[in-house]
Each structure stands twice: as C-alpha cells, then as structure tokens.
Amino acid sequence: MTDIRELLAQNIKNYRKIRGFSQEILAEKADTSTTHIGMIETSKKYPSPRMLARIAGALGIDTPELFTTNAVTFIPGYNKSIERLYQEIAGDFRQFEKTVTERVRELQKK
C-alpha cells in the first residue's frame, strides 16, 4: 500500500519538474514559501485542501491528479522535450485563436 503523503510528495515533484519549475517558481505560483514546498515534497508537511488546490492550479492540473498512483513520472530530457512541444502547440493554438477572433470581428463589421 502506498503512503498517501509520499505519493503526494512524489507527484508534486514530478509535475513540477515536467513543467520545468524550480521549487521557487512553484512556491511563487502557489503563493507560498519555497520552504513549504520543500517540506511537502519531502513528506514532512501535509498541505491544507486550499494549498493543495493552489499547488494543483500552479501545476496546471486538477487536484485529484496529485493523488493518482499512475501519475506521470519525470524522465530527464524526455519530459522536457514533451513540455517544450506542449508549449509550442499551445502557443500556435493561441495565435490561431487570435487570428480567428480577429477575422470573425472583421466579418461582423461587414
């Protein structure tokens, strides 16, 4: 049986690394201290439900994913490539969305 705190700690650490975040960046995004993130990632502290939601939000995932036993594993190099690809695709989509929105507005004016 998996210890829930260890599972949570490992999942936060894995998702953080996949996103390319340091503990400092995650702490800033989750509005907490680096020390607090470090304590959570080493299973020395257990976050409140509100903090869990802030951490999940900072990582761009739903809170329950922090407790999934089949969550992603960080593989150096591989995950960074996937995250870079994800960022490129997201950027392309934002540009596409912007272009479509502008075109729709132009058409609406006619």
PDB file of N, CA and C in Angstrom:
ATOM      1  N   MET A   1       0.843  -1.182   0.000  1.00  0.00           N
ATOM      2  CA  MET A   1       0.000   0.000   0.000  1.00  0.00           C
ATOM      3  C   MET A   1       0.891   1.249   0.000  1.00  0.00           C
ATOM      4  N   THR A   2       0.538   2.205  -0.819  1.00  0.00           N
ATOM      5  CA  THR A   2       1.302   3.436  -0.959  1.00  0.00           C
ATOM      6  C   THR A   2       0.919   4.423   0.122  1.00  0.00           C
ATOM      7  N   ASP A   3       1.917   5.020   0.757  1.00  0.00           N
ATOM      8  CA  ASP A   3       1.672   6.077   1.727  1.00  0.00           C
ATOM      9  C   ASP A   3       1.199   7.307   0.967  1.00  0.00           C
ATOM     10  N   ILE A   4       0.062   7.860   1.369  1.00  0.00           N
ATOM     11  CA  ILE A   4      -0.558   8.975   0.651  1.00  0.00           C
ATOM     12  C   ILE A   4       0.333  10.214   0.640  1.00  0.00           C
ATOM     13  N   ARG A   5       1.050  10.450   1.730  1.00  0.00           N
ATOM     14  CA  ARG A   5       1.937  11.622   1.770  1.00  0.00           C
ATOM     15  C   ARG A   5       3.113  11.462   0.820  1.00  0.00           C
ATOM     16  N   GLU A   6       3.664  10.267   0.760  1.00  0.00           N
ATOM     17  CA  GLU A   6       4.779  10.014  -0.156  1.00  0.00           C
ATOM     18  C   GLU A   6       4.313  10.099  -1.608  1.00  0.00           C
ATOM     19  N   LEU A   7       3.123   9.581  -1.876  1.00  0.00           N
ATOM     20  CA  LEU A   7       2.554   9.653  -3.217  1.00  0.00           C
ATOM     21  C   LEU A   7       2.353  11.114  -3.620  1.00  0.00           C
ATOM     22  N   LEU A   8       1.758  11.890  -2.733  1.00  0.00           N
ATOM     23  CA  LEU A   8       1.537  13.312  -2.989  1.00  0.00           C
ATOM     24  C   LEU A   8       2.869  14.018  -3.232  1.00  0.00           C
ATOM     25  N   ALA A   9       3.831  13.776  -2.369  1.00  0.00           N
ATOM     26  CA  ALA A   9       5.142  14.415  -2.483  1.00  0.00           C
ATOM     27  C   ALA A   9       5.790  14.096  -3.827  1.00  0.00           C
ATOM     28  N   GLN A  10       5.773  12.830  -4.211  1.00  0.00           N
ATOM     29  CA  GLN A  10       6.400  12.425  -5.474  1.00  0.00           C
ATOM     30  C   GLN A  10       5.671  13.015  -6.668  1.00  0.00           C
ATOM     31  N   ASN A  11       4.337  13.025  -6.625  1.00  0.00           N
ATOM     32  CA  ASN A  11       3.574  13.572  -7.745  1.00  0.00           C
ATOM     33  C   ASN A  11       3.811  15.069  -7.905  1.00  0.00           C
ATOM     34  N   ILE A  12       3.838  15.809  -6.803  1.00  0.00           N
ATOM     35  CA  ILE A  12       4.106  17.246  -6.894  1.00  0.00           C
ATOM     36  C   ILE A  12       5.484  17.473  -7.499  1.00  0.00           C
ATOM     37  N   LYS A  13       6.454  16.737  -7.012  1.00  0.00           N
ATOM     38  CA  LYS A  13       7.819  16.882  -7.512  1.00  0.00           C
ATOM     39  C   LYS A  13       7.902  16.542  -9.000  1.00  0.00           C
ATOM     40  N   ASN A  14       7.261  15.443  -9.416  1.00  0.00           N
ATOM     41  CA  ASN A  14       7.281  15.041 -10.823  1.00  0.00           C
ATOM     42  C   ASN A  14       6.612  16.086 -11.716  1.00  0.00           C
ATOM     43  N   TYR A  15       5.407  16.513 -11.339  1.00  0.00           N
ATOM     44  CA  TYR A  15       4.714  17.518 -12.145  1.00  0.00           C
ATOM     45  C   TYR A  15       5.512  18.819 -12.189  1.00  0.00           C
ATOM     46  N   ARG A  16       6.114  19.192 -11.083  1.00  0.00           N
ATOM     47  CA  ARG A  16       6.918  20.418 -11.036  1.00  0.00           C
ATOM     48  C   ARG A  16       8.083  20.319 -12.017  1.00  0.00           C
ATOM     49  N   LYS A  17       8.772  19.197 -11.998  1.00  0.00           N
ATOM     50  CA  LYS A  17       9.921  19.022 -12.885  1.00  0.00           C
ATOM     51  C   LYS A  17       9.487  18.972 -14.349  1.00  0.00           C
ATOM     52  N   ILE A  18       8.382  18.322 -14.631  1.00  0.00           N
ATOM     53  CA  ILE A  18       7.886  18.253 -16.003  1.00  0.00           C
ATOM     54  C   ILE A  18       7.560  19.651 -16.521  1.00  0.00           C
ATOM     55  N   ARG A  19       7.023  20.484 -15.651  1.00  0.00           N
ATOM     56  CA  ARG A  19       6.711  21.870 -16.053  1.00  0.00           C
ATOM     57  C   ARG A  19       7.973  22.731 -16.149  1.00  0.00           C
ATOM     58  N   GLY A  20       9.082  22.186 -15.669  1.00  0.00           N
ATOM     59  CA  GLY A  20      10.327  22.955 -15.698  1.00  0.00           C
ATOM     60  C   GLY A  20      10.398  23.982 -14.589  1.00  0.00           C
ATOM     61  N   PHE A  21       9.616  23.768 -13.526  1.00  0.00           N
ATOM     62  CA  PHE A  21       9.579  24.705 -12.399  1.00  0.00           C
ATOM     63  C   PHE A  21      10.596  24.307 -11.342  1.00  0.00           C
ATOM     64  N   SER A  22      11.250  25.282 -10.776  1.00  0.00           N
ATOM     65  CA  SER A  22      12.026  25.058  -9.560  1.00  0.00           C
ATOM     66  C   SER A  22      11.029  25.109  -8.405  1.00  0.00           C
ATOM     67  N   GLN A  23      11.492  24.746  -7.213  1.00  0.00           N
ATOM     68  CA  GLN A  23      10.612  24.883  -6.049  1.00  0.00           C
ATOM     69  C   GLN A  23      10.241  26.348  -5.856  1.00  0.00           C
ATOM     70  N   GLU A  24      11.162  27.249  -6.158  1.00  0.00           N
ATOM     71  CA  GLU A  24      10.895  28.682  -6.001  1.00  0.00           C
ATOM     72  C   GLU A  24       9.777  29.145  -6.926  1.00  0.00           C
ATOM     73  N   ILE A  25       9.820  28.690  -8.170  1.00  0.00           N
ATOM     74  CA  ILE A  25       8.775  29.083  -9.122  1.00  0.00           C
ATOM     75  C   ILE A  25       7.427  28.528  -8.694  1.00  0.00           C
ATOM     76  N   LEU A  26       7.386  27.249  -8.305  1.00  0.00           N
ATOM     77  CA  LEU A  26       6.125  26.663  -7.854  1.00  0.00           C
ATOM     78  C   LEU A  26       5.606  27.396  -6.632  1.00  0.00           C
ATOM     79  N   ALA A  27       6.483  27.696  -5.699  1.00  0.00           N
ATOM     80  CA  ALA A  27       6.074  28.417  -4.492  1.00  0.00           C
ATOM     81  C   ALA A  27       5.462  29.765  -4.842  1.00  0.00           C
ATOM     82  N   GLU A  28       6.097  30.466  -5.765  1.00  0.00           N
ATOM     83  CA  GLU A  28       5.581  31.774  -6.171  1.00  0.00           C
ATOM     84  C   GLU A  28       4.205  31.642  -6.820  1.00  0.00           C
ATOM     85  N   LYS A  29       4.062  30.673  -7.719  1.00  0.00           N
ATOM     86  CA  LYS A  29       2.799  30.475  -8.415  1.00  0.00           C
ATOM     87  C   LYS A  29       1.688  30.011  -7.466  1.00  0.00           C
ATOM     88  N   ALA A  30       2.069  29.265  -6.426  1.00  0.00           N
ATOM     89  CA  ALA A  30       1.084  28.752  -5.464  1.00  0.00           C
ATOM     90  C   ALA A  30       0.907  29.683  -4.269  1.00  0.00           C
ATOM     91  N   ASP A  31       1.629  30.808  -4.284  1.00  0.00           N
ATOM     92  CA  ASP A  31       1.549  31.804  -3.219  1.00  0.00           C
ATOM     93  C   ASP A  31       1.885  31.197  -1.853  1.00  0.00           C
ATOM     94  N   THR A  32       3.054  30.575  -1.795  1.00  0.00           N
ATOM     95  CA  THR A  32       3.551  30.017  -0.544  1.00  0.00           C
ATOM     96  C   THR A  32       5.072  30.160  -0.541  1.00  0.00           C
ATOM     97  N   SER A  33       5.713  29.605   0.452  1.00  0.00           N
ATOM     98  CA  SER A  33       7.169  29.718   0.538  1.00  0.00           C
ATOM     99  C   SER A  33       7.847  28.509  -0.091  1.00  0.00           C
ATOM    100  N   THR A  34       9.080  28.724  -0.495  1.00  0.00           N
ATOM    101  CA  THR A  34       9.892  27.632  -1.023  1.00  0.00           C
ATOM    102  C   THR A  34      10.084  26.565   0.046  1.00  0.00           C
ATOM    103  N   THR A  35      10.263  26.996   1.276  1.00  0.00           N
ATOM    104  CA  THR A  35      10.432  26.050   2.386  1.00  0.00           C
ATOM    105  C   THR A  35       9.207  25.156   2.510  1.00  0.00           C
ATOM    106  N   HIS A  36       8.017  25.744   2.364  1.00  0.00           N
ATOM    107  CA  HIS A  36       6.788  24.961   2.482  1.00  0.00           C
ATOM    108  C   HIS A  36       6.709  23.913   1.364  1.00  0.00           C
ATOM    109  N   ILE A  37       7.026  24.319   0.148  1.00  0.00           N
ATOM    110  CA  ILE A  37       7.020  23.357  -0.966  1.00  0.00           C
ATOM    111  C   ILE A  37       8.040  22.248  -0.697  1.00  0.00           C
ATOM    112  N   GLY A  38       9.222  22.615  -0.235  1.00  0.00           N
ATOM    113  CA  GLY A  38      10.250  21.623   0.083  1.00  0.00           C
ATOM    114  C   GLY A  38       9.794  20.640   1.147  1.00  0.00           C
ATOM    115  N   MET A  39       9.120  21.147   2.157  1.00  0.00           N
ATOM    116  CA  MET A  39       8.623  20.275   3.241  1.00  0.00           C
ATOM    117  C   MET A  39       7.546  19.322   2.723  1.00  0.00           C
ATOM    118  N   ILE A  40       6.701  19.817   1.818  1.00  0.00           N
ATOM    119  CA  ILE A  40       5.658  18.956   1.232  1.00  0.00           C
ATOM    120  C   ILE A  40       6.303  17.888   0.359  1.00  0.00           C
ATOM    121  N   GLU A  41       7.288  18.287  -0.449  1.00  0.00           N
ATOM    122  CA  GLU A  41       7.938  17.338  -1.359  1.00  0.00           C
ATOM    123  C   GLU A  41       8.782  16.291  -0.634  1.00  0.00           C
ATOM    124  N   THR A  42       9.104  16.531   0.613  1.00  0.00           N
ATOM    125  CA  THR A  42       9.850  15.534   1.390  1.00  0.00           C
ATOM    126  C   THR A  42       8.945  14.849   2.423  1.00  0.00           C
ATOM    127  N   SER A  43       7.654  15.040   2.277  1.00  0.00           N
ATOM    128  CA  SER A  43       6.639  14.411   3.143  1.00  0.00           C
ATOM    129  C   SER A  43       6.730  14.840   4.605  1.00  0.00           C
ATOM    130  N   LYS A  44       7.347  15.970   4.874  1.00  0.00           N
ATOM    131  CA  LYS A  44       7.457  16.443   6.253  1.00  0.00           C
ATOM    132  C   LYS A  44       6.265  17.290   6.664  1.00  0.00           C
ATOM    133  N   LYS A  45       5.561  17.818   5.687  1.00  0.00           N
ATOM    134  CA  LYS A  45       4.339  18.590   5.935  1.00  0.00           C
ATOM    135  C   LYS A  45       3.278  18.117   4.964  1.00  0.00           C
ATOM    136  N   TYR A  46       2.040  18.219   5.414  1.00  0.00           N
ATOM    137  CA  TYR A  46       0.905  17.870   4.571  1.00  0.00           C
ATOM    138  C   TYR A  46       0.101  19.133   4.335  1.00  0.00           C
ATOM    139  N   PRO A  47      -0.125  19.516   3.076  1.00  0.00           N
ATOM    140  CA  PRO A  47      -0.811  20.776   2.795  1.00  0.00           C
ATOM    141  C   PRO A  47      -2.305  20.724   3.086  1.00  0.00           C
ATOM    142  N   SER A  48      -2.852  21.894   3.364  1.00  0.00           N
ATOM    143  CA  SER A  48      -4.292  22.024   3.570  1.00  0.00           C
ATOM    144  C   SER A  48      -5.006  21.828   2.236  1.00  0.00           C
ATOM    145  N   PRO A  49      -6.303  21.569   2.253  1.00  0.00           N
ATOM    146  CA  PRO A  49      -7.046  21.449   0.989  1.00  0.00           C
ATOM    147  C   PRO A  49      -6.902  22.701   0.114  1.00  0.00           C
ATOM    148  N   ARG A  50      -6.912  23.861   0.724  1.00  0.00           N
ATOM    149  CA  ARG A  50      -6.751  25.103  -0.043  1.00  0.00           C
ATOM    150  C   ARG A  50      -5.375  25.158  -0.702  1.00  0.00           C
ATOM    151  N   MET A  51      -4.338  24.759   0.027  1.00  0.00           N
ATOM    152  CA  MET A  51      -2.985  24.757  -0.526  1.00  0.00           C
ATOM    153  C   MET A  51      -2.865  23.709  -1.628  1.00  0.00           C
ATOM    154  N   LEU A  52      -3.488  22.554  -1.446  1.00  0.00           N
ATOM    155  CA  LEU A  52      -3.483  21.528  -2.495  1.00  0.00           C
ATOM    156  C   LEU A  52      -4.064  22.090  -3.791  1.00  0.00           C
ATOM    157  N   ALA A  53      -5.159  22.824  -3.669  1.00  0.00           N
ATOM    158  CA  ALA A  53      -5.796  23.416  -4.842  1.00  0.00           C
ATOM    159  C   ALA A  53      -4.881  24.448  -5.491  1.00  0.00           C
ATOM    160  N   ARG A  54      -4.181  25.239  -4.683  1.00  0.00           N
ATOM    161  CA  ARG A  54      -3.273  26.252  -5.233  1.00  0.00           C
ATOM    162  C   ARG A  54      -2.078  25.598  -5.930  1.00  0.00           C
ATOM    163  N   ILE A  55      -1.550  24.533  -5.340  1.00  0.00           N
ATOM    164  CA  ILE A  55      -0.429  23.824  -5.958  1.00  0.00           C
ATOM    165  C   ILE A  55      -0.873  23.196  -7.277  1.00  0.00           C
ATOM    166  N   ALA A  56      -2.016  22.517  -7.251  1.00  0.00           N
ATOM    167  CA  ALA A  56      -2.530  21.895  -8.479  1.00  0.00           C
ATOM    168  C   ALA A  56      -2.756  22.957  -9.550  1.00  0.00           C
ATOM    169  N   GLY A  57      -3.349  24.076  -9.177  1.00  0.00           N
ATOM    170  CA  GLY A  57      -3.577  25.155 -10.134  1.00  0.00           C
ATOM    171  C   GLY A  57      -2.275  25.679 -10.712  1.00  0.00           C
ATOM    172  N   ALA A  58      -1.276  25.833  -9.870  1.00  0.00           N
ATOM    173  CA  ALA A  58       0.040  26.307 -10.326  1.00  0.00           C
ATOM    174  C   ALA A  58       0.679  25.314 -11.293  1.00  0.00           C
ATOM    175  N   LEU A  59       0.387  24.033 -11.097  1.00  0.00           N
ATOM    176  CA  LEU A  59       0.940  22.985 -11.962  1.00  0.00           C
ATOM    177  C   LEU A  59       0.078  22.740 -13.201  1.00  0.00           C
ATOM    178  N   GLY A  60      -1.099  23.375 -13.244  1.00  0.00           N
ATOM    179  CA  GLY A  60      -1.986  23.222 -14.393  1.00  0.00           C
ATOM    180  C   GLY A  60      -2.703  21.889 -14.445  1.00  0.00           C
ATOM    181  N   ILE A  61      -2.983  21.331 -13.264  1.00  0.00           N
ATOM    182  CA  ILE A  61      -3.687  20.046 -13.194  1.00  0.00           C
ATOM    183  C   ILE A  61      -4.846  20.161 -12.218  1.00  0.00           C
ATOM    184  N   ASP A  62      -5.717  19.159 -12.216  1.00  0.00           N
ATOM    185  CA  ASP A  62      -6.798  19.088 -11.240  1.00  0.00           C
ATOM    186  C   ASP A  62      -6.257  18.482  -9.954  1.00  0.00           C
ATOM    187  N   THR A  63      -6.757  18.929  -8.834  1.00  0.00           N
ATOM    188  CA  THR A  63      -6.269  18.475  -7.526  1.00  0.00           C
ATOM    189  C   THR A  63      -6.220  16.949  -7.387  1.00  0.00           C
ATOM    190  N   PRO A  64      -7.249  16.205  -7.822  1.00  0.00           N
ATOM    191  CA  PRO A  64      -7.179  14.745  -7.666  1.00  0.00           C
ATOM    192  C   PRO A  64      -5.977  14.097  -8.350  1.00  0.00           C
ATOM    193  N   GLU A  65      -5.442  14.744  -9.396  1.00  0.00           N
ATOM    194  CA  GLU A  65      -4.283  14.175 -10.083  1.00  0.00           C
ATOM    195  C   GLU A  65      -3.060  14.093  -9.166  1.00  0.00           C
ATOM    196  N   LEU A  66      -3.040  14.904  -8.112  1.00  0.00           N
ATOM    197  CA  LEU A  66      -1.932  14.862  -7.167  1.00  0.00           C
ATOM    198  C   LEU A  66      -1.901  13.554  -6.380  1.00  0.00           C
ATOM    199  N   PHE A  67      -3.012  12.832  -6.378  1.00  0.00           N
ATOM    200  CA  PHE A  67      -3.117  11.599  -5.596  1.00  0.00           C
ATOM    201  C   PHE A  67      -3.234  10.350  -6.466  1.00  0.00           C
ATOM    202  N   THR A  68      -3.040  10.489  -7.758  1.00  0.00           N
ATOM    203  CA  THR A  68      -3.174   9.364  -8.677  1.00  0.00           C
ATOM    204  C   THR A  68      -1.919   8.504  -8.629  1.00  0.00           C
ATOM    205  N   THR A  69      -2.105   7.214  -8.468  1.00  0.00           N
ATOM    206  CA  THR A  69      -0.946   6.319  -8.380  1.00  0.00           C
ATOM    207  C   THR A  69      -0.289   6.095  -9.730  1.00  0.00           C
ATOM    208  N   ASN A  70      -1.001   6.368 -10.813  1.00  0.00           N
ATOM    209  CA  ASN A  70      -0.397   6.195 -12.140  1.00  0.00           C
ATOM    210  C   ASN A  70      -0.068   7.546 -12.761  1.00  0.00           C
ATOM    211  N   ALA A  71       0.228   8.520 -11.922  1.00  0.00           N
ATOM    212  CA  ALA A  71       0.594   9.847 -12.419  1.00  0.00           C
ATOM    213  C   ALA A  71       1.917   9.767 -13.181  1.00  0.00           C
ATOM    214  N   VAL A  72       2.187  10.811 -13.905  1.00  0.00           N
ATOM    215  CA  VAL A  72       3.383  10.842 -14.747  1.00  0.00           C
ATOM    216  C   VAL A  72       4.658  10.710 -13.930  1.00  0.00           C
ATOM    217  N   THR A  73       5.671  10.194 -14.576  1.00  0.00           N
ATOM    218  CA  THR A  73       6.993  10.078 -13.971  1.00  0.00           C
ATOM    219  C   THR A  73       7.932  11.001 -14.726  1.00  0.00           C
ATOM    220  N   PHE A  74       8.761  11.678 -13.998  1.00  0.00           N
ATOM    221  CA  PHE A  74       9.725  12.572 -14.628  1.00  0.00           C
ATOM    222  C   PHE A  74      10.884  11.768 -15.170  1.00  0.00           C
ATOM    223  N   ILE A  75      11.138  11.933 -16.449  1.00  0.00           N
ATOM    224  CA  ILE A  75      12.276  11.298 -17.094  1.00  0.00           C
ATOM    225  C   ILE A  75      13.123  12.425 -17.666  1.00  0.00           C
ATOM    226  N   PRO A  76      14.310  12.666 -17.106  1.00  0.00           N
ATOM    227  CA  PRO A  76      15.122  13.791 -17.583  1.00  0.00           C
ATOM    228  C   PRO A  76      15.304  13.770 -19.099  1.00  0.00           C
ATOM    229  N   GLY A  77      15.181  14.920 -19.695  1.00  0.00           N
ATOM    230  CA  GLY A  77      15.337  15.043 -21.143  1.00  0.00           C
ATOM    231  C   GLY A  77      14.053  14.757 -21.884  1.00  0.00           C
ATOM    232  N   TYR A  78      13.470  13.599 -21.659  1.00  0.00           N
ATOM    233  CA  TYR A  78      12.249  13.198 -22.362  1.00  0.00           C
ATOM    234  C   TYR A  78      11.100  14.124 -22.007  1.00  0.00           C
ATOM    235  N   ASN A  79      10.838  14.314 -20.716  1.00  0.00           N
ATOM    236  CA  ASN A  79       9.724  15.147 -20.306  1.00  0.00           C
ATOM    237  C   ASN A  79       9.924  16.613 -20.698  1.00  0.00           C
ATOM    238  N   LYS A  80      11.160  17.070 -20.702  1.00  0.00           N
ATOM    239  CA  LYS A  80      11.417  18.452 -21.108  1.00  0.00           C
ATOM    240  C   LYS A  80      11.076  18.633 -22.574  1.00  0.00           C
ATOM    241  N   SER A  81      11.357  17.635 -23.391  1.00  0.00           N
ATOM    242  CA  SER A  81      11.017  17.707 -24.806  1.00  0.00           C
ATOM    243  C   SER A  81       9.509  17.746 -24.992  1.00  0.00           C
ATOM    244  N   ILE A  82       8.797  16.924 -24.250  1.00  0.00           N
ATOM    245  CA  ILE A  82       7.344  16.904 -24.328  1.00  0.00           C
ATOM    246  C   ILE A  82       6.774  18.243 -23.874  1.00  0.00           C
ATOM    247  N   GLU A  83       7.279  18.794 -22.792  1.00  0.00           N
ATOM    248  CA  GLU A  83       6.781  20.065 -22.292  1.00  0.00           C
ATOM    249  C   GLU A  83       7.057  21.183 -23.301  1.00  0.00           C
ATOM    250  N   ARG A  84       8.225  21.179 -23.926  1.00  0.00           N
ATOM    251  CA  ARG A  84       8.542  22.181 -24.952  1.00  0.00           C
ATOM    252  C   ARG A  84       7.561  22.072 -26.114  1.00  0.00           C
ATOM    253  N   LEU A  85       7.291  20.839 -26.547  1.00  0.00           N
ATOM    254  CA  LEU A  85       6.335  20.612 -27.625  1.00  0.00           C
ATOM    255  C   LEU A  85       4.953  21.106 -27.218  1.00  0.00           C
ATOM    256  N   TYR A  86       4.544  20.806 -26.000  1.00  0.00           N
ATOM    257  CA  TYR A  86       3.255  21.274 -25.489  1.00  0.00           C
ATOM    258  C   TYR A  86       3.180  22.796 -25.532  1.00  0.00           C
ATOM    259  N   GLN A  87       4.247  23.468 -25.096  1.00  0.00           N
ATOM    260  CA  GLN A  87       4.267  24.935 -25.101  1.00  0.00           C
ATOM    261  C   GLN A  87       4.174  25.480 -26.523  1.00  0.00           C
ATOM    262  N   GLU A  88       4.857  24.846 -27.465  1.00  0.00           N
ATOM    263  CA  GLU A  88       4.789  25.281 -28.862  1.00  0.00           C
ATOM    264  C   GLU A  88       3.379  25.124 -29.415  1.00  0.00           C
ATOM    265  N   ILE A  89       2.771  23.974 -29.137  1.00  0.00           N
ATOM    266  CA  ILE A  89       1.412  23.727 -29.620  1.00  0.00           C
ATOM    267  C   ILE A  89       0.448  24.727 -28.993  1.00  0.00           C
ATOM    268  N   ALA A  90       0.584  24.964 -27.692  1.00  0.00           N
ATOM    269  CA  ALA A  90      -0.285  25.920 -27.012  1.00  0.00           C
ATOM    270  C   ALA A  90      -0.108  27.314 -27.601  1.00  0.00           C
ATOM    271  N   GLY A  91       1.132  27.687 -27.891  1.00  0.00           N
ATOM    272  CA  GLY A  91       1.395  28.992 -28.497  1.00  0.00           C
ATOM    273  C   GLY A  91       0.782  29.093 -29.879  1.00  0.00           C
ATOM    274  N   ASP A  92       0.915  28.029 -30.680  1.00  0.00           N
ATOM    275  CA  ASP A  92       0.309  28.005 -32.007  1.00  0.00           C
ATOM    276  C   ASP A  92      -1.201  28.120 -31.908  1.00  0.00           C
ATOM    277  N   PHE A  93      -1.792  27.431 -30.934  1.00  0.00           N
ATOM    278  CA  PHE A  93      -3.244  27.482 -30.772  1.00  0.00           C
ATOM    279  C   PHE A  93      -3.686  28.890 -30.378  1.00  0.00           C
ATOM    280  N   ARG A  94      -2.939  29.533 -29.464  1.00  0.00           N
ATOM    281  CA  ARG A  94      -3.305  30.897 -29.066  1.00  0.00           C
ATOM    282  C   ARG A  94      -3.242  31.837 -30.262  1.00  0.00           C
ATOM    283  N   GLN A  95      -2.239  31.673 -31.103  1.00  0.00           N
ATOM    284  CA  GLN A  95      -2.126  32.506 -32.307  1.00  0.00           C
ATOM    285  C   GLN A  95      -3.285  32.223 -33.254  1.00  0.00           C
ATOM    286  N   PHE A  96      -3.614  30.953 -33.433  1.00  0.00           N
ATOM    287  CA  PHE A  96      -4.732  30.566 -34.287  1.00  0.00           C
ATOM    288  C   PHE A  96      -6.026  31.169 -33.760  1.00  0.00           C
ATOM    289  N   GLU A  97      -6.243  31.051 -32.455  1.00  0.00           N
ATOM    290  CA  GLU A  97      -7.453  31.591 -31.835  1.00  0.00           C
ATOM    291  C   GLU A  97      -7.537  33.104 -32.032  1.00  0.00           C
ATOM    292  N   LYS A  98      -6.422  33.782 -31.874  1.00  0.00           N
ATOM    293  CA  LYS A  98      -6.372  35.234 -32.065  1.00  0.00           C
ATOM    294  C   LYS A  98      -6.723  35.604 -33.505  1.00  0.00           C
ATOM    295  N   THR A  99      -6.145  34.876 -34.462  1.00  0.00           N
ATOM    296  CA  THR A  99      -6.404  35.131 -35.876  1.00  0.00           C
ATOM    297  C   THR A  99      -7.875  34.917 -36.210  1.00  0.00           C
ATOM    298  N   VAL A 100      -8.445  33.820 -35.724  1.00  0.00           N
ATOM    299  CA  VAL A 100      -9.854  33.522 -35.989  1.00  0.00           C
ATOM    300  C   VAL A 100     -10.743  34.601 -35.367  1.00  0.00           C
ATOM    301  N   THR A 101     -10.453  34.991 -34.139  1.00  0.00           N
ATOM    302  CA  THR A 101     -11.239  36.020 -33.461  1.00  0.00           C
ATOM    303  C   THR A 101     -11.194  37.330 -34.239  1.00  0.00           C
ATOM    304  N   GLU A 102     -10.013  37.730 -34.688  1.00  0.00           N
ATOM    305  CA  GLU A 102      -9.876  38.963 -35.468  1.00  0.00           C
ATOM    306  C   GLU A 102     -10.678  38.878 -36.767  1.00  0.00           C
ATOM    307  N   ARG A 103     -10.601  37.724 -37.423  1.00  0.00           N
ATOM    308  CA  ARG A 103     -11.327  37.548 -38.690  1.00  0.00           C
ATOM    309  C   ARG A 103     -12.830  37.580 -38.473  1.00  0.00           C
ATOM    310  N   VAL A 104     -13.305  36.962 -37.412  1.00  0.00           N
ATOM    311  CA  VAL A 104     -14.736  36.978 -37.095  1.00  0.00           C
ATOM    312  C   VAL A 104     -15.193  38.412 -36.845  1.00  0.00           C
ATOM    313  N   ARG A 105     -14.417  39.183 -36.117  1.00  0.00           N
ATOM    314  CA  ARG A 105     -14.773  40.596 -35.864  1.00  0.00           C
ATOM    315  C   ARG A 105     -14.834  41.387 -37.161  1.00  0.00           C
ATOM    316  N   GLU A 106     -13.885  41.135 -38.047  1.00  0.00           N
ATOM    317  CA  GLU A 106     -13.900  41.816 -39.341  1.00  0.00           C
ATOM    318  C   GLU A 106     -15.168  41.483 -40.118  1.00  0.00           C
ATOM    319  N   LEU A 107     -15.537  40.203 -40.111  1.00  0.00           N
ATOM    320  CA  LEU A 107     -16.722  39.779 -40.819  1.00  0.00           C
ATOM    321  C   LEU A 107     -17.992  40.345 -40.193  1.00  0.00           C
ATOM    322  N   GLN A 108     -18.006  40.476 -38.883  1.00  0.00           N
ATOM    323  CA  GLN A 108     -19.171  41.006 -38.193  1.00  0.00           C
ATOM    324  C   GLN A 108     -19.385  42.483 -38.511  1.00  0.00           C
ATOM    325  N   LYS A 109     -18.323  43.190 -38.824  1.00  0.00           N
ATOM    326  CA  LYS A 109     -18.410  44.607 -39.142  1.00  0.00           C
ATOM    327  C   LYS A 109     -19.027  44.832 -40.529  1.00  0.00           C
ATOM    328  N   LYS A 110     -18.941  43.841 -41.388  1.00  0.00           N
ATOM    329  CA  LYS A 110     -19.440  43.987 -42.771  1.00  0.00           C
ATOM    330  C   LYS A 110     -20.922  43.790 -42.861  1.00  0.00           C
TER     331      LYS A 110
END
